[in-house]
Each structure stands twice: as structure tokens, then as C-alpha cells.
All heavy atoms as atom14 arrays in JSON, in Angstrom:
{
  "sequence": "HGEFIDRKYSAKGIRGFLIDDAEMLLQRISMVNVMG",
  "atom14_mask": [
    [1, 1, 1, 1, 1, 1, 1, 1, 1, 1, 0, 0, 0, 0],
    [1, 1, 1, 1, 0, 0, 0, 0, 0, 0, 0, 0, 0, 0],
    [1, 1, 1, 1, 1, 1, 1, 1, 1, 0, 0, 0, 0, 0],
    [1, 1, 1, 1, 1, 1, 1, 1, 1, 1, 1, 0, 0, 0],
    [1, 1, 1, 1, 1, 1, 1, 1, 0, 0, 0, 0, 0, 0],
    [1, 1, 1, 1, 1, 1, 1, 1, 0, 0, 0, 0, 0, 0],
    [1, 1, 1, 1, 1, 1, 1, 1, 1, 1, 1, 0, 0, 0],
    [1, 1, 1, 1, 1, 1, 1, 1, 1, 0, 0, 0, 0, 0],
    [1, 1, 1, 1, 1, 1, 1, 1, 1, 1, 1, 1, 0, 0],
    [1, 1, 1, 1, 1, 1, 0, 0, 0, 0, 0, 0, 0, 0],
    [1, 1, 1, 1, 1, 0, 0, 0, 0, 0, 0, 0, 0, 0],
    [1, 1, 1, 1, 1, 1, 1, 1, 1, 0, 0, 0, 0, 0],
    [1, 1, 1, 1, 0, 0, 0, 0, 0, 0, 0, 0, 0, 0],
    [1, 1, 1, 1, 1, 1, 1, 1, 0, 0, 0, 0, 0, 0],
    [1, 1, 1, 1, 1, 1, 1, 1, 1, 1, 1, 0, 0, 0],
    [1, 1, 1, 1, 0, 0, 0, 0, 0, 0, 0, 0, 0, 0],
    [1, 1, 1, 1, 1, 1, 1, 1, 1, 1, 1, 0, 0, 0],
    [1, 1, 1, 1, 1, 1, 1, 1, 0, 0, 0, 0, 0, 0],
    [1, 1, 1, 1, 1, 1, 1, 1, 0, 0, 0, 0, 0, 0],
    [1, 1, 1, 1, 1, 1, 1, 1, 0, 0, 0, 0, 0, 0],
    [1, 1, 1, 1, 1, 1, 1, 1, 0, 0, 0, 0, 0, 0],
    [1, 1, 1, 1, 1, 0, 0, 0, 0, 0, 0, 0, 0, 0],
    [1, 1, 1, 1, 1, 1, 1, 1, 1, 0, 0, 0, 0, 0],
    [1, 1, 1, 1, 1, 1, 1, 1, 0, 0, 0, 0, 0, 0],
    [1, 1, 1, 1, 1, 1, 1, 1, 0, 0, 0, 0, 0, 0],
    [1, 1, 1, 1, 1, 1, 1, 1, 0, 0, 0, 0, 0, 0],
    [1, 1, 1, 1, 1, 1, 1, 1, 1, 0, 0, 0, 0, 0],
    [1, 1, 1, 1, 1, 1, 1, 1, 1, 1, 1, 0, 0, 0],
    [1, 1, 1, 1, 1, 1, 1, 1, 0, 0, 0, 0, 0, 0],
    [1, 1, 1, 1, 1, 1, 0, 0, 0, 0, 0, 0, 0, 0],
    [1, 1, 1, 1, 1, 1, 1, 1, 0, 0, 0, 0, 0, 0],
    [1, 1, 1, 1, 1, 1, 1, 0, 0, 0, 0, 0, 0, 0],
    [1, 1, 1, 1, 1, 1, 1, 1, 0, 0, 0, 0, 0, 0],
    [1, 1, 1, 1, 1, 1, 1, 0, 0, 0, 0, 0, 0, 0],
    [1, 1, 1, 1, 1, 1, 1, 1, 0, 0, 0, 0, 0, 0],
    [1, 1, 1, 1, 0, 0, 0, 0, 0, 0, 0, 0, 0, 0]
  ],
  "atom14_positions": [
    [[85.46, 265.31, 182.66], [84.1, 264.8, 182.45], [84.08, 263.29, 182.68], [83.16, 262.76, 183.3], [83.62, 265.1, 181.02], [83.28, 266.53, 180.79], [82.97, 267.0, 179.54], [83.19, 267.61, 181.6], [82.7, 268.29, 179.6], [82.84, 268.69, 180.84], [0.0, 0.0, 0.0], [0.0, 0.0, 0.0], [0.0, 0.0, 0.0], [0.0, 0.0, 0.0]],
    [[85.11, 262.59, 182.19], [85.18, 261.14, 182.36], [85.23, 260.73, 183.82], [84.55, 259.79, 184.24], [0.0, 0.0, 0.0], [0.0, 0.0, 0.0], [0.0, 0.0, 0.0], [0.0, 0.0, 0.0], [0.0, 0.0, 0.0], [0.0, 0.0, 0.0], [0.0, 0.0, 0.0], [0.0, 0.0, 0.0], [0.0, 0.0, 0.0], [0.0, 0.0, 0.0]],
    [[86.05, 261.42, 184.59], [86.14, 261.13, 186.03], [84.8, 261.4, 186.72], [84.39, 260.64, 187.6], [87.24, 261.98, 186.68], [88.64, 261.58, 186.25], [89.69, 262.57, 186.67], [89.46, 263.8, 186.57], [90.77, 262.11, 187.11], [0.0, 0.0, 0.0], [0.0, 0.0, 0.0], [0.0, 0.0, 0.0], [0.0, 0.0, 0.0], [0.0, 0.0, 0.0]],
    [[84.12, 262.45, 186.28], [82.82, 262.8, 186.84], [81.79, 261.72, 186.52], [81.1, 261.22, 187.4], [82.38, 264.15, 186.29], [81.06, 264.64, 186.8], [80.94, 265.15, 188.08], [79.93, 264.6, 186.0], [79.72, 265.62, 188.56], [78.71, 265.06, 186.46], [78.6, 265.56, 187.74], [0.0, 0.0, 0.0], [0.0, 0.0, 0.0], [0.0, 0.0, 0.0]],
    [[81.72, 261.32, 185.26], [80.76, 260.3, 184.81], [81.01, 258.97, 185.51], [80.08, 258.3, 185.98], [80.82, 260.11, 183.28], [80.31, 261.36, 182.57], [80.04, 258.88, 182.84], [80.63, 261.4, 181.08], [0.0, 0.0, 0.0], [0.0, 0.0, 0.0], [0.0, 0.0, 0.0], [0.0, 0.0, 0.0], [0.0, 0.0, 0.0], [0.0, 0.0, 0.0]],
    [[82.29, 258.59, 185.61], [82.66, 257.31, 186.23], [82.75, 257.38, 187.75], [83.11, 256.4, 188.39], [84.0, 256.82, 185.66], [83.92, 256.5, 184.19], [82.81, 256.26, 183.67], [84.99, 256.52, 183.52], [0.0, 0.0, 0.0], [0.0, 0.0, 0.0], [0.0, 0.0, 0.0], [0.0, 0.0, 0.0], [0.0, 0.0, 0.0], [0.0, 0.0, 0.0]],
    [[82.45, 258.55, 188.32], [82.5, 258.8, 189.76], [83.87, 258.45, 190.35], [83.98, 257.86, 191.43], [81.4, 258.03, 190.48], [80.02, 258.5, 190.06], [78.94, 257.79, 190.78], [77.64, 258.3, 190.32], [76.5, 257.85, 190.76], [76.44, 256.91, 191.65], [75.37, 258.36, 190.3], [0.0, 0.0, 0.0], [0.0, 0.0, 0.0], [0.0, 0.0, 0.0]],
    [[84.92, 258.85, 189.63], [86.28, 258.61, 190.09], [86.77, 259.8, 190.92], [87.73, 260.47, 190.59], [87.2, 258.37, 188.9], [86.92, 257.07, 188.19], [87.91, 256.81, 187.09], [87.62, 255.46, 186.46], [88.52, 255.18, 185.35], [0.0, 0.0, 0.0], [0.0, 0.0, 0.0], [0.0, 0.0, 0.0], [0.0, 0.0, 0.0], [0.0, 0.0, 0.0]],
    [[86.05, 260.04, 191.98], [86.39, 261.08, 192.93], [85.81, 260.66, 194.27], [84.9, 259.86, 194.34], [85.83, 262.45, 192.5], [84.33, 262.46, 192.29], [83.45, 262.65, 193.35], [83.78, 262.25, 191.02], [82.08, 262.65, 193.16], [82.41, 262.24, 190.83], [81.57, 262.44, 191.9], [80.21, 262.43, 191.71], [0.0, 0.0, 0.0], [0.0, 0.0, 0.0]],
    [[86.38, 261.19, 195.32], [85.86, 260.91, 196.65], [84.89, 262.03, 197.02], [85.28, 263.19, 197.12], [87.01, 260.86, 197.66], [86.49, 260.73, 198.96], [0.0, 0.0, 0.0], [0.0, 0.0, 0.0], [0.0, 0.0, 0.0], [0.0, 0.0, 0.0], [0.0, 0.0, 0.0], [0.0, 0.0, 0.0], [0.0, 0.0, 0.0], [0.0, 0.0, 0.0]],
    [[83.64, 261.7, 197.21], [82.62, 262.7, 197.51], [82.84, 263.38, 198.86], [82.41, 264.51, 199.07], [81.23, 262.07, 197.46], [0.0, 0.0, 0.0], [0.0, 0.0, 0.0], [0.0, 0.0, 0.0], [0.0, 0.0, 0.0], [0.0, 0.0, 0.0], [0.0, 0.0, 0.0], [0.0, 0.0, 0.0], [0.0, 0.0, 0.0], [0.0, 0.0, 0.0]],
    [[83.56, 262.7, 199.73], [83.81, 263.26, 201.06], [84.6, 264.56, 200.92], [85.66, 264.59, 200.31], [84.58, 262.27, 201.92], [84.79, 262.73, 203.34], [85.51, 261.68, 204.16], [85.68, 262.18, 205.58], [86.37, 261.23, 206.41], [0.0, 0.0, 0.0], [0.0, 0.0, 0.0], [0.0, 0.0, 0.0], [0.0, 0.0, 0.0], [0.0, 0.0, 0.0]],
    [[84.06, 265.61, 201.46], [84.75, 266.9, 201.43], [84.47, 267.76, 200.21], [84.84, 268.92, 200.18], [0.0, 0.0, 0.0], [0.0, 0.0, 0.0], [0.0, 0.0, 0.0], [0.0, 0.0, 0.0], [0.0, 0.0, 0.0], [0.0, 0.0, 0.0], [0.0, 0.0, 0.0], [0.0, 0.0, 0.0], [0.0, 0.0, 0.0], [0.0, 0.0, 0.0]],
    [[83.82, 267.2, 199.19], [83.5, 268.0, 198.01], [82.21, 268.77, 198.28], [81.18, 268.19, 198.59], [83.35, 267.12, 196.74], [84.7, 266.48, 196.4], [82.84, 267.96, 195.57], [84.66, 265.6, 195.16], [0.0, 0.0, 0.0], [0.0, 0.0, 0.0], [0.0, 0.0, 0.0], [0.0, 0.0, 0.0], [0.0, 0.0, 0.0], [0.0, 0.0, 0.0]],
    [[82.3, 270.09, 198.17], [81.15, 270.95, 198.46], [80.19, 271.08, 197.29], [79.03, 271.43, 197.47], [81.64, 272.33, 198.86], [82.43, 272.31, 200.15], [82.88, 273.68, 200.55], [83.65, 273.58, 201.78], [84.43, 274.52, 202.22], [84.56, 275.65, 201.55], [85.1, 274.35, 203.33], [0.0, 0.0, 0.0], [0.0, 0.0, 0.0], [0.0, 0.0, 0.0]],
    [[80.69, 270.83, 196.1], [79.85, 270.95, 194.91], [80.69, 270.91, 193.65], [81.93, 270.86, 193.72], [0.0, 0.0, 0.0], [0.0, 0.0, 0.0], [0.0, 0.0, 0.0], [0.0, 0.0, 0.0], [0.0, 0.0, 0.0], [0.0, 0.0, 0.0], [0.0, 0.0, 0.0], [0.0, 0.0, 0.0], [0.0, 0.0, 0.0], [0.0, 0.0, 0.0]],
    [[80.01, 270.93, 192.52], [80.67, 270.9, 191.22], [80.27, 272.11, 190.39], [79.13, 272.59, 190.48], [80.31, 269.63, 190.45], [80.91, 268.38, 191.02], [80.12, 267.43, 191.63], [82.28, 268.14, 190.94], [80.66, 266.26, 192.16], [82.83, 266.99, 191.47], [82.03, 266.05, 192.07], [0.0, 0.0, 0.0], [0.0, 0.0, 0.0], [0.0, 0.0, 0.0]],
    [[81.19, 272.57, 189.57], [80.95, 273.61, 188.57], [81.3, 272.97, 187.23], [82.44, 272.58, 187.0], [81.85, 274.82, 188.84], [81.62, 275.52, 190.19], [82.8, 276.41, 190.53], [80.33, 276.31, 190.15], [0.0, 0.0, 0.0], [0.0, 0.0, 0.0], [0.0, 0.0, 0.0], [0.0, 0.0, 0.0], [0.0, 0.0, 0.0], [0.0, 0.0, 0.0]],
    [[80.32, 272.82, 186.37], [80.52, 272.1, 185.11], [80.92, 273.07, 184.0], [80.17, 273.98, 183.65], [79.23, 271.35, 184.69], [78.68, 270.5, 185.84], [79.5, 270.51, 183.43], [79.57, 269.38, 186.3], [0.0, 0.0, 0.0], [0.0, 0.0, 0.0], [0.0, 0.0, 0.0], [0.0, 0.0, 0.0], [0.0, 0.0, 0.0], [0.0, 0.0, 0.0]],
    [[82.12, 272.88, 183.46], [82.59, 273.66, 182.32], [82.23, 272.9, 181.05], [82.37, 271.67, 181.0], [84.11, 273.84, 182.42], [84.65, 274.94, 181.52], [83.89, 275.86, 181.16], [85.84, 274.88, 181.17], [0.0, 0.0, 0.0], [0.0, 0.0, 0.0], [0.0, 0.0, 0.0], [0.0, 0.0, 0.0], [0.0, 0.0, 0.0], [0.0, 0.0, 0.0]],
    [[81.75, 273.61, 180.06], [81.34, 273.0, 178.79], [80.3, 271.89, 179.02], [80.47, 270.74, 178.6], [82.55, 272.45, 178.03], [83.54, 273.55, 177.64], [83.08, 274.61, 177.18], [84.76, 273.35, 177.8], [0.0, 0.0, 0.0], [0.0, 0.0, 0.0], [0.0, 0.0, 0.0], [0.0, 0.0, 0.0], [0.0, 0.0, 0.0], [0.0, 0.0, 0.0]],
    [[79.21, 272.27, 179.68], [78.16, 271.3, 180.04], [77.58, 270.61, 178.82], [77.23, 269.42, 178.88], [77.05, 272.0, 180.82], [0.0, 0.0, 0.0], [0.0, 0.0, 0.0], [0.0, 0.0, 0.0], [0.0, 0.0, 0.0], [0.0, 0.0, 0.0], [0.0, 0.0, 0.0], [0.0, 0.0, 0.0], [0.0, 0.0, 0.0], [0.0, 0.0, 0.0]],
    [[77.49, 271.33, 177.7], [76.95, 270.71, 176.49], [77.82, 269.55, 176.02], [77.32, 268.53, 175.53], [76.77, 271.75, 175.37], [78.03, 272.32, 174.76], [78.77, 273.36, 175.61], [78.32, 273.7, 176.71], [79.82, 273.82, 175.15], [0.0, 0.0, 0.0], [0.0, 0.0, 0.0], [0.0, 0.0, 0.0], [0.0, 0.0, 0.0], [0.0, 0.0, 0.0]],
    [[79.14, 269.66, 176.19], [80.05, 268.57, 175.82], [79.87, 267.38, 176.76], [79.94, 266.23, 176.33], [81.49, 269.06, 175.85], [81.81, 270.08, 174.76], [83.45, 270.79, 174.92], [84.47, 269.4, 174.44], [0.0, 0.0, 0.0], [0.0, 0.0, 0.0], [0.0, 0.0, 0.0], [0.0, 0.0, 0.0], [0.0, 0.0, 0.0], [0.0, 0.0, 0.0]],
    [[79.63, 267.65, 178.04], [79.39, 266.58, 179.01], [78.12, 265.82, 178.65], [78.11, 264.58, 178.62], [79.29, 267.15, 180.42], [78.92, 266.15, 181.53], [79.95, 265.04, 181.65], [78.76, 266.88, 182.86], [0.0, 0.0, 0.0], [0.0, 0.0, 0.0], [0.0, 0.0, 0.0], [0.0, 0.0, 0.0], [0.0, 0.0, 0.0], [0.0, 0.0, 0.0]],
    [[77.06, 266.53, 178.34], [75.8, 265.87, 177.96], [75.99, 265.03, 176.7], [75.47, 263.91, 176.61], [74.7, 266.9, 177.76], [74.22, 267.59, 179.03], [73.26, 268.73, 178.69], [73.56, 266.6, 179.96], [0.0, 0.0, 0.0], [0.0, 0.0, 0.0], [0.0, 0.0, 0.0], [0.0, 0.0, 0.0], [0.0, 0.0, 0.0], [0.0, 0.0, 0.0]],
    [[76.73, 265.56, 175.72], [76.95, 264.8, 174.49], [77.78, 263.56, 174.76], [77.53, 262.5, 174.18], [77.63, 265.68, 173.43], [77.66, 265.03, 172.07], [76.28, 264.67, 171.55], [75.46, 265.52, 171.31], [76.03, 263.38, 171.4], [0.0, 0.0, 0.0], [0.0, 0.0, 0.0], [0.0, 0.0, 0.0], [0.0, 0.0, 0.0], [0.0, 0.0, 0.0]],
    [[78.72, 263.66, 175.67], [79.56, 262.51, 176.0], [78.75, 261.39, 176.65], [79.0, 260.21, 176.45], [80.69, 262.94, 176.94], [81.63, 261.82, 177.25], [82.86, 262.3, 177.94], [83.75, 261.16, 178.14], [84.95, 261.26, 178.61], [85.43, 262.44, 178.92], [85.68, 260.19, 178.77], [0.0, 0.0, 0.0], [0.0, 0.0, 0.0], [0.0, 0.0, 0.0]],
    [[77.75, 261.75, 177.45], [76.91, 260.77, 178.12], [76.03, 260.03, 177.11], [75.75, 258.84, 177.26], [76.03, 261.45, 179.19], [76.89, 261.97, 180.33], [74.97, 260.51, 179.72], [76.16, 262.88, 181.29], [0.0, 0.0, 0.0], [0.0, 0.0, 0.0], [0.0, 0.0, 0.0], [0.0, 0.0, 0.0], [0.0, 0.0, 0.0], [0.0, 0.0, 0.0]],
    [[75.6, 260.73, 176.06], [74.66, 260.16, 175.09], [75.36, 259.5, 173.91], [76.4, 259.96, 173.45], [73.74, 261.27, 174.57], [72.87, 260.76, 173.59], [0.0, 0.0, 0.0], [0.0, 0.0, 0.0], [0.0, 0.0, 0.0], [0.0, 0.0, 0.0], [0.0, 0.0, 0.0], [0.0, 0.0, 0.0], [0.0, 0.0, 0.0], [0.0, 0.0, 0.0]],
    [[74.75, 258.44, 173.41], [75.25, 257.78, 172.2], [74.64, 258.4, 170.95], [75.0, 258.06, 169.84], [74.93, 256.29, 172.27], [75.67, 255.58, 173.38], [75.18, 253.86, 173.63], [75.34, 253.16, 172.02], [0.0, 0.0, 0.0], [0.0, 0.0, 0.0], [0.0, 0.0, 0.0], [0.0, 0.0, 0.0], [0.0, 0.0, 0.0], [0.0, 0.0, 0.0]],
    [[73.7, 259.32, 171.12], [73.0, 259.96, 170.02], [73.18, 261.47, 170.16], [73.33, 261.99, 171.28], [71.49, 259.59, 170.06], [70.72, 260.28, 168.97], [71.32, 258.07, 169.99], [0.0, 0.0, 0.0], [0.0, 0.0, 0.0], [0.0, 0.0, 0.0], [0.0, 0.0, 0.0], [0.0, 0.0, 0.0], [0.0, 0.0, 0.0], [0.0, 0.0, 0.0]],
    [[73.16, 262.19, 169.05], [73.32, 263.63, 169.05], [72.31, 264.32, 169.98], [71.1, 264.1, 169.85], [73.16, 264.17, 167.63], [73.48, 265.65, 167.52], [74.33, 266.15, 168.22], [72.8, 266.32, 166.62], [0.0, 0.0, 0.0], [0.0, 0.0, 0.0], [0.0, 0.0, 0.0], [0.0, 0.0, 0.0], [0.0, 0.0, 0.0], [0.0, 0.0, 0.0]],
    [[72.8, 265.13, 170.92], [71.93, 265.91, 171.78], [71.59, 267.19, 171.0], [72.47, 267.98, 170.7], [72.61, 266.25, 173.13], [71.73, 267.16, 173.96], [72.95, 264.98, 173.88], [0.0, 0.0, 0.0], [0.0, 0.0, 0.0], [0.0, 0.0, 0.0], [0.0, 0.0, 0.0], [0.0, 0.0, 0.0], [0.0, 0.0, 0.0], [0.0, 0.0, 0.0]],
    [[70.32, 267.38, 170.69], [69.91, 268.47, 169.8], [69.44, 269.72, 170.54], [69.27, 270.77, 169.94], [68.85, 267.96, 168.84], [69.38, 266.84, 167.96], [68.14, 266.11, 166.9], [67.76, 267.46, 165.81], [0.0, 0.0, 0.0], [0.0, 0.0, 0.0], [0.0, 0.0, 0.0], [0.0, 0.0, 0.0], [0.0, 0.0, 0.0], [0.0, 0.0, 0.0]],
    [[69.23, 269.64, 171.83], [68.79, 270.81, 172.58], [68.7, 270.48, 174.05], [68.65, 269.31, 174.44], [0.0, 0.0, 0.0], [0.0, 0.0, 0.0], [0.0, 0.0, 0.0], [0.0, 0.0, 0.0], [0.0, 0.0, 0.0], [0.0, 0.0, 0.0], [0.0, 0.0, 0.0], [0.0, 0.0, 0.0], [0.0, 0.0, 0.0], [0.0, 0.0, 0.0]]
  ]
}
């Protein structure tokens, strides 16, 4: 998630992303509790 948020990947050649535990990713982005 950190590499994704910080864009620490080369977009060239990447066909797409599959997000595992998306709720955890959203919570990591926010400084406040994500309630829904």
C-alpha cells in the first residue's frame, strides 16, 4: 500500500492494479477514521 500511495513503481508496462484489503488502504490514506 505504501509503495502504491507513494507511487514507488514504474507505470510503464503495468496493465492494472488489484487492491487487496482496500479498506486498509483507504484508512492508511486518511488521518481520520473511515466510517464507510
